[in-house]
Amino acid sequence: MSAPRRPTDPSGLERYYVLTGGRSGPDGSAASLDVATLIVSRSAAVPGMQHEHEEIIRRCRDPLSVAELGAHLGLPFNILAVLLADLLDAGRVEARNPIPASGAGRGPDLALLEEVLSGLQRL
């Protein structure tokens, strides 16, 4: 007789539970992360580090948004945010908020565009 087979988890929830140590969302400074936040590595991966943490550090040598990182790793936002919180707390990555628009719904700053156009015309 063969041993009973363990049922598989097609949703991936069991894997996510293991990746995050049972946490469902980030705490502290990582709670303000959004999909446009840029993540940049501040150090190299160390031996024995969780594979996903290593992958985040490796991919973020150049700034990468949380949305892009999630797509590369195939992880939902909440799971990725928990992993990023670990790395932020350890000082291994830095989160940079996107530059806010000058005025919501107003479009680009007209004065800045005129200065750029003026500079280009002088070339």
N, C-alpha and C. Protein backbone atom coordinates (compact mmCIF):
# COMPACT_ATOMS: atom_id res chain seq x y z
N MET A 1 0.83 -1.18 0.00
CA MET A 1 0.00 0.00 0.00
C MET A 1 0.87 1.25 0.00
N SER A 2 0.48 2.24 -0.74
CA SER A 2 1.26 3.48 -0.78
C SER A 2 0.78 4.43 0.32
N ALA A 3 1.66 5.34 0.66
CA ALA A 3 1.33 6.33 1.69
C ALA A 3 0.26 7.28 1.16
N PRO A 4 -0.61 7.77 2.04
CA PRO A 4 -1.64 8.71 1.58
C PRO A 4 -0.98 9.97 1.03
N ARG A 5 -1.53 10.46 -0.05
CA ARG A 5 -1.00 11.67 -0.67
C ARG A 5 -1.56 12.90 0.03
N ARG A 6 -0.70 13.83 0.21
CA ARG A 6 -1.10 15.08 0.84
C ARG A 6 -1.79 15.95 -0.21
N PRO A 7 -2.93 16.53 0.11
CA PRO A 7 -3.61 17.38 -0.88
C PRO A 7 -2.77 18.61 -1.20
N THR A 8 -2.81 19.01 -2.45
CA THR A 8 -2.07 20.21 -2.85
C THR A 8 -2.96 21.43 -2.68
N ASP A 9 -2.31 22.57 -2.57
CA ASP A 9 -3.02 23.84 -2.40
C ASP A 9 -2.93 24.61 -3.72
N PRO A 10 -3.92 24.48 -4.60
CA PRO A 10 -3.83 25.14 -5.91
C PRO A 10 -3.86 26.67 -5.81
N SER A 11 -4.36 27.21 -4.72
CA SER A 11 -4.46 28.67 -4.59
C SER A 11 -3.12 29.31 -4.25
N GLY A 12 -2.18 28.55 -3.73
CA GLY A 12 -0.88 29.10 -3.34
C GLY A 12 -0.89 29.71 -1.95
N LEU A 13 -2.02 29.68 -1.27
CA LEU A 13 -2.12 30.32 0.04
C LEU A 13 -1.17 29.71 1.06
N GLU A 14 -0.98 28.39 0.98
CA GLU A 14 -0.07 27.73 1.91
C GLU A 14 1.35 28.25 1.70
N ARG A 15 1.76 28.41 0.45
CA ARG A 15 3.09 28.93 0.13
C ARG A 15 3.24 30.36 0.67
N TYR A 16 2.23 31.18 0.48
CA TYR A 16 2.29 32.56 0.95
C TYR A 16 2.39 32.61 2.47
N TYR A 17 1.68 31.72 3.13
CA TYR A 17 1.72 31.66 4.59
C TYR A 17 3.14 31.36 5.06
N VAL A 18 3.80 30.45 4.38
CA VAL A 18 5.16 30.08 4.75
C VAL A 18 6.11 31.24 4.44
N LEU A 19 5.96 31.88 3.28
CA LEU A 19 6.84 32.99 2.89
C LEU A 19 6.81 34.13 3.90
N THR A 20 5.63 34.42 4.41
CA THR A 20 5.47 35.57 5.29
C THR A 20 5.48 35.21 6.77
N GLY A 21 5.64 33.95 7.10
CA GLY A 21 5.61 33.54 8.50
C GLY A 21 4.24 33.76 9.12
N GLY A 22 3.20 33.68 8.30
CA GLY A 22 1.83 33.82 8.80
C GLY A 22 1.32 35.24 8.86
N ARG A 23 2.15 36.22 8.50
CA ARG A 23 1.71 37.62 8.54
C ARG A 23 0.88 37.93 7.29
N SER A 24 -0.13 38.75 7.45
CA SER A 24 -1.02 39.05 6.32
C SER A 24 -0.81 40.44 5.74
N GLY A 25 -0.03 41.27 6.40
CA GLY A 25 0.21 42.62 5.89
C GLY A 25 1.40 43.23 6.58
N PRO A 26 1.98 44.27 5.98
CA PRO A 26 3.17 44.89 6.55
C PRO A 26 2.84 45.78 7.75
N ASP A 27 3.84 46.01 8.56
CA ASP A 27 3.72 46.92 9.71
C ASP A 27 4.74 48.04 9.57
N GLY A 28 4.62 49.04 10.39
CA GLY A 28 5.61 50.10 10.46
C GLY A 28 5.73 50.90 9.18
N SER A 29 6.98 51.16 8.80
CA SER A 29 7.23 52.02 7.64
C SER A 29 6.73 51.41 6.34
N ALA A 30 6.64 50.10 6.25
CA ALA A 30 6.19 49.44 5.03
C ALA A 30 4.68 49.56 4.83
N ALA A 31 3.95 50.00 5.84
CA ALA A 31 2.50 50.13 5.71
C ALA A 31 2.13 51.22 4.71
N SER A 32 3.06 52.14 4.42
CA SER A 32 2.77 53.22 3.49
C SER A 32 3.17 52.89 2.05
N LEU A 33 3.64 51.68 1.79
CA LEU A 33 4.02 51.29 0.44
C LEU A 33 2.81 51.29 -0.48
N ASP A 34 3.02 51.70 -1.72
CA ASP A 34 1.99 51.52 -2.73
C ASP A 34 2.65 50.98 -3.99
N VAL A 35 1.91 50.73 -5.02
CA VAL A 35 2.45 50.10 -6.23
C VAL A 35 3.45 50.97 -6.96
N ALA A 36 3.43 52.27 -6.75
CA ALA A 36 4.34 53.18 -7.44
C ALA A 36 5.62 53.45 -6.65
N THR A 37 5.70 52.99 -5.41
CA THR A 37 6.89 53.20 -4.59
C THR A 37 8.08 52.50 -5.24
N LEU A 38 9.20 53.20 -5.30
CA LEU A 38 10.42 52.63 -5.87
C LEU A 38 11.25 51.96 -4.77
N ILE A 39 11.75 50.79 -5.07
CA ILE A 39 12.57 50.04 -4.12
C ILE A 39 13.99 49.96 -4.69
N VAL A 40 14.99 50.24 -3.83
CA VAL A 40 16.40 50.20 -4.23
C VAL A 40 17.17 49.41 -3.17
N SER A 41 18.02 48.49 -3.62
CA SER A 41 18.86 47.71 -2.71
C SER A 41 19.91 48.61 -2.07
N ARG A 42 20.17 48.39 -0.80
CA ARG A 42 21.22 49.14 -0.10
C ARG A 42 22.39 48.24 0.27
N SER A 43 22.22 46.93 0.11
CA SER A 43 23.29 45.99 0.45
C SER A 43 23.14 44.74 -0.42
N ALA A 44 24.11 43.89 -0.33
CA ALA A 44 24.06 42.62 -1.07
C ALA A 44 23.36 41.56 -0.23
N ALA A 45 22.92 40.52 -0.90
CA ALA A 45 22.30 39.40 -0.20
C ALA A 45 23.37 38.67 0.63
N VAL A 46 22.93 38.07 1.72
CA VAL A 46 23.85 37.32 2.57
C VAL A 46 23.49 35.84 2.53
N PRO A 47 24.46 34.97 2.74
CA PRO A 47 24.19 33.53 2.73
C PRO A 47 23.13 33.17 3.77
N GLY A 48 22.25 32.28 3.40
CA GLY A 48 21.20 31.82 4.31
C GLY A 48 19.94 32.67 4.28
N MET A 49 19.95 33.72 3.50
CA MET A 49 18.79 34.59 3.39
C MET A 49 17.67 33.87 2.63
N GLN A 50 16.43 34.17 2.97
CA GLN A 50 15.28 33.61 2.28
C GLN A 50 15.39 33.92 0.78
N HIS A 51 15.07 32.94 -0.06
CA HIS A 51 15.23 33.08 -1.52
C HIS A 51 14.53 34.32 -2.06
N GLU A 52 13.32 34.59 -1.63
CA GLU A 52 12.57 35.75 -2.12
C GLU A 52 13.24 37.06 -1.74
N HIS A 53 13.81 37.11 -0.53
CA HIS A 53 14.54 38.30 -0.11
C HIS A 53 15.77 38.50 -1.00
N GLU A 54 16.49 37.43 -1.28
CA GLU A 54 17.65 37.51 -2.18
C GLU A 54 17.24 38.03 -3.55
N GLU A 55 16.13 37.51 -4.05
CA GLU A 55 15.65 37.90 -5.38
C GLU A 55 15.26 39.37 -5.42
N ILE A 56 14.64 39.86 -4.37
CA ILE A 56 14.26 41.28 -4.29
C ILE A 56 15.52 42.15 -4.31
N ILE A 57 16.51 41.79 -3.49
CA ILE A 57 17.75 42.57 -3.43
C ILE A 57 18.46 42.54 -4.79
N ARG A 58 18.49 41.40 -5.42
CA ARG A 58 19.17 41.28 -6.71
C ARG A 58 18.48 42.12 -7.78
N ARG A 59 17.16 42.06 -7.83
CA ARG A 59 16.42 42.79 -8.87
C ARG A 59 16.39 44.30 -8.64
N CYS A 60 16.58 44.72 -7.41
CA CYS A 60 16.44 46.15 -7.10
C CYS A 60 17.79 46.87 -7.01
N ARG A 61 18.78 46.37 -7.70
CA ARG A 61 20.06 47.11 -7.76
C ARG A 61 19.81 48.48 -8.38
N ASP A 62 18.94 48.52 -9.38
CA ASP A 62 18.44 49.76 -9.94
C ASP A 62 17.02 49.92 -9.43
N PRO A 63 16.54 51.16 -9.24
CA PRO A 63 15.18 51.35 -8.70
C PRO A 63 14.13 50.60 -9.51
N LEU A 64 13.23 49.96 -8.79
CA LEU A 64 12.15 49.19 -9.40
C LEU A 64 10.89 49.43 -8.58
N SER A 65 9.78 49.67 -9.25
CA SER A 65 8.53 49.92 -8.51
C SER A 65 8.02 48.63 -7.90
N VAL A 66 7.22 48.78 -6.87
CA VAL A 66 6.63 47.62 -6.20
C VAL A 66 5.78 46.82 -7.19
N ALA A 67 5.07 47.51 -8.08
CA ALA A 67 4.25 46.81 -9.08
C ALA A 67 5.11 45.97 -10.02
N GLU A 68 6.22 46.54 -10.50
CA GLU A 68 7.12 45.79 -11.39
C GLU A 68 7.74 44.61 -10.66
N LEU A 69 8.15 44.83 -9.44
CA LEU A 69 8.76 43.78 -8.64
C LEU A 69 7.79 42.63 -8.42
N GLY A 70 6.54 42.97 -8.10
CA GLY A 70 5.52 41.94 -7.91
C GLY A 70 5.28 41.13 -9.17
N ALA A 71 5.31 41.80 -10.33
CA ALA A 71 5.12 41.10 -11.60
C ALA A 71 6.29 40.16 -11.88
N HIS A 72 7.51 40.63 -11.62
CA HIS A 72 8.69 39.79 -11.85
C HIS A 72 8.69 38.55 -10.95
N LEU A 73 8.29 38.74 -9.70
CA LEU A 73 8.33 37.64 -8.74
C LEU A 73 7.06 36.81 -8.72
N GLY A 74 5.99 37.31 -9.34
CA GLY A 74 4.72 36.58 -9.35
C GLY A 74 4.07 36.54 -7.98
N LEU A 75 4.20 37.63 -7.23
CA LEU A 75 3.64 37.68 -5.87
C LEU A 75 2.58 38.77 -5.77
N PRO A 76 1.51 38.50 -5.01
CA PRO A 76 0.50 39.54 -4.77
C PRO A 76 1.09 40.67 -3.93
N PHE A 77 0.47 41.84 -4.03
CA PHE A 77 0.97 43.03 -3.34
C PHE A 77 1.16 42.81 -1.84
N ASN A 78 0.17 42.25 -1.15
CA ASN A 78 0.26 42.10 0.31
C ASN A 78 1.43 41.20 0.72
N ILE A 79 1.64 40.14 -0.02
CA ILE A 79 2.74 39.22 0.31
C ILE A 79 4.08 39.93 0.07
N LEU A 80 4.19 40.61 -1.06
CA LEU A 80 5.41 41.34 -1.38
C LEU A 80 5.67 42.44 -0.35
N ALA A 81 4.63 43.12 0.09
CA ALA A 81 4.77 44.18 1.08
C ALA A 81 5.33 43.64 2.40
N VAL A 82 4.92 42.44 2.79
CA VAL A 82 5.45 41.83 4.02
C VAL A 82 6.93 41.53 3.85
N LEU A 83 7.31 40.98 2.70
CA LEU A 83 8.72 40.69 2.44
C LEU A 83 9.55 41.98 2.39
N LEU A 84 8.99 43.02 1.78
CA LEU A 84 9.69 44.31 1.73
C LEU A 84 9.83 44.91 3.12
N ALA A 85 8.82 44.72 3.97
CA ALA A 85 8.90 45.23 5.34
C ALA A 85 10.08 44.61 6.08
N ASP A 86 10.29 43.31 5.87
CA ASP A 86 11.44 42.64 6.49
C ASP A 86 12.75 43.29 6.05
N LEU A 87 12.86 43.52 4.74
CA LEU A 87 14.09 44.09 4.20
C LEU A 87 14.27 45.56 4.58
N LEU A 88 13.17 46.31 4.66
CA LEU A 88 13.24 47.70 5.10
C LEU A 88 13.69 47.79 6.55
N ASP A 89 13.12 46.94 7.40
CA ASP A 89 13.49 46.94 8.82
C ASP A 89 14.95 46.56 9.03
N ALA A 90 15.47 45.68 8.16
CA ALA A 90 16.86 45.25 8.26
C ALA A 90 17.82 46.25 7.58
N GLY A 91 17.27 47.28 6.92
CA GLY A 91 18.10 48.26 6.24
C GLY A 91 18.73 47.75 4.95
N ARG A 92 18.20 46.69 4.39
CA ARG A 92 18.76 46.10 3.16
C ARG A 92 18.21 46.74 1.89
N VAL A 93 17.03 47.37 1.98
CA VAL A 93 16.47 48.11 0.84
C VAL A 93 15.97 49.46 1.33
N GLU A 94 15.77 50.34 0.37
CA GLU A 94 15.25 51.68 0.65
C GLU A 94 14.00 51.87 -0.19
N ALA A 95 12.98 52.49 0.39
CA ALA A 95 11.75 52.80 -0.34
C ALA A 95 11.73 54.28 -0.65
N ARG A 96 11.51 54.59 -1.92
CA ARG A 96 11.44 55.99 -2.35
C ARG A 96 10.06 56.26 -2.89
N ASN A 97 9.38 57.22 -2.28
CA ASN A 97 8.04 57.56 -2.74
C ASN A 97 8.11 58.26 -4.08
N PRO A 98 7.12 58.02 -4.93
CA PRO A 98 7.12 58.71 -6.23
C PRO A 98 6.94 60.21 -6.03
N ILE A 99 7.41 60.98 -6.99
CA ILE A 99 7.26 62.44 -6.92
C ILE A 99 5.81 62.77 -7.19
N PRO A 100 5.15 63.48 -6.28
CA PRO A 100 3.73 63.80 -6.49
C PRO A 100 3.55 64.79 -7.63
N ALA A 101 2.42 64.71 -8.29
CA ALA A 101 2.08 65.65 -9.36
C ALA A 101 1.93 67.04 -8.75
N SER A 102 2.24 68.07 -9.53
CA SER A 102 2.18 69.43 -9.00
C SER A 102 0.76 69.82 -8.59
N GLY A 103 -0.22 69.35 -9.28
CA GLY A 103 -1.61 69.62 -8.94
C GLY A 103 -2.48 68.51 -9.50
N ALA A 104 -3.25 67.91 -8.67
CA ALA A 104 -4.07 66.79 -9.11
C ALA A 104 -5.03 67.22 -10.21
N GLY A 105 -4.95 66.55 -11.34
CA GLY A 105 -5.86 66.82 -12.44
C GLY A 105 -5.48 68.02 -13.29
N ARG A 106 -4.43 68.75 -12.93
CA ARG A 106 -4.05 69.94 -13.69
C ARG A 106 -3.05 69.66 -14.78
N GLY A 107 -2.42 68.48 -14.77
CA GLY A 107 -1.42 68.17 -15.76
C GLY A 107 -0.06 68.70 -15.35
N PRO A 108 0.90 68.71 -16.28
CA PRO A 108 2.26 69.12 -15.95
C PRO A 108 2.34 70.62 -15.66
N ASP A 109 3.39 70.99 -14.96
CA ASP A 109 3.63 72.38 -14.61
C ASP A 109 4.00 73.16 -15.87
N LEU A 110 3.17 74.11 -16.27
CA LEU A 110 3.34 74.86 -17.51
C LEU A 110 4.64 75.68 -17.49
N ALA A 111 4.98 76.29 -16.37
CA ALA A 111 6.20 77.09 -16.28
C ALA A 111 7.43 76.23 -16.52
N LEU A 112 7.45 75.04 -15.97
CA LEU A 112 8.57 74.14 -16.16
C LEU A 112 8.69 73.74 -17.63
N LEU A 113 7.57 73.42 -18.27
CA LEU A 113 7.59 73.05 -19.68
C LEU A 113 8.10 74.19 -20.55
N GLU A 114 7.71 75.43 -20.22
CA GLU A 114 8.18 76.59 -20.98
C GLU A 114 9.68 76.79 -20.82
N GLU A 115 10.21 76.54 -19.61
CA GLU A 115 11.65 76.65 -19.39
C GLU A 115 12.41 75.58 -20.19
N VAL A 116 11.89 74.38 -20.23
CA VAL A 116 12.52 73.31 -20.99
C VAL A 116 12.50 73.65 -22.48
N LEU A 117 11.37 74.13 -22.98
CA LEU A 117 11.26 74.51 -24.38
C LEU A 117 12.24 75.65 -24.72
N SER A 118 12.33 76.62 -23.85
CA SER A 118 13.26 77.73 -24.05
C SER A 118 14.70 77.24 -24.11
N GLY A 119 15.05 76.33 -23.21
CA GLY A 119 16.40 75.77 -23.19
C GLY A 119 16.70 74.98 -24.45
N LEU A 120 15.73 74.24 -24.93
CA LEU A 120 15.92 73.46 -26.16
C LEU A 120 16.07 74.37 -27.38
N GLN A 121 15.36 75.47 -27.40
CA GLN A 121 15.46 76.40 -28.53
C GLN A 121 16.82 77.08 -28.58
N ARG A 122 17.44 77.27 -27.41
CA ARG A 122 18.76 77.90 -27.35
C ARG A 122 19.86 76.95 -27.83
N LEU A 123 19.60 75.68 -27.93
CA LEU A 123 20.65 74.71 -28.34
C LEU A 123 21.01 74.83 -29.78
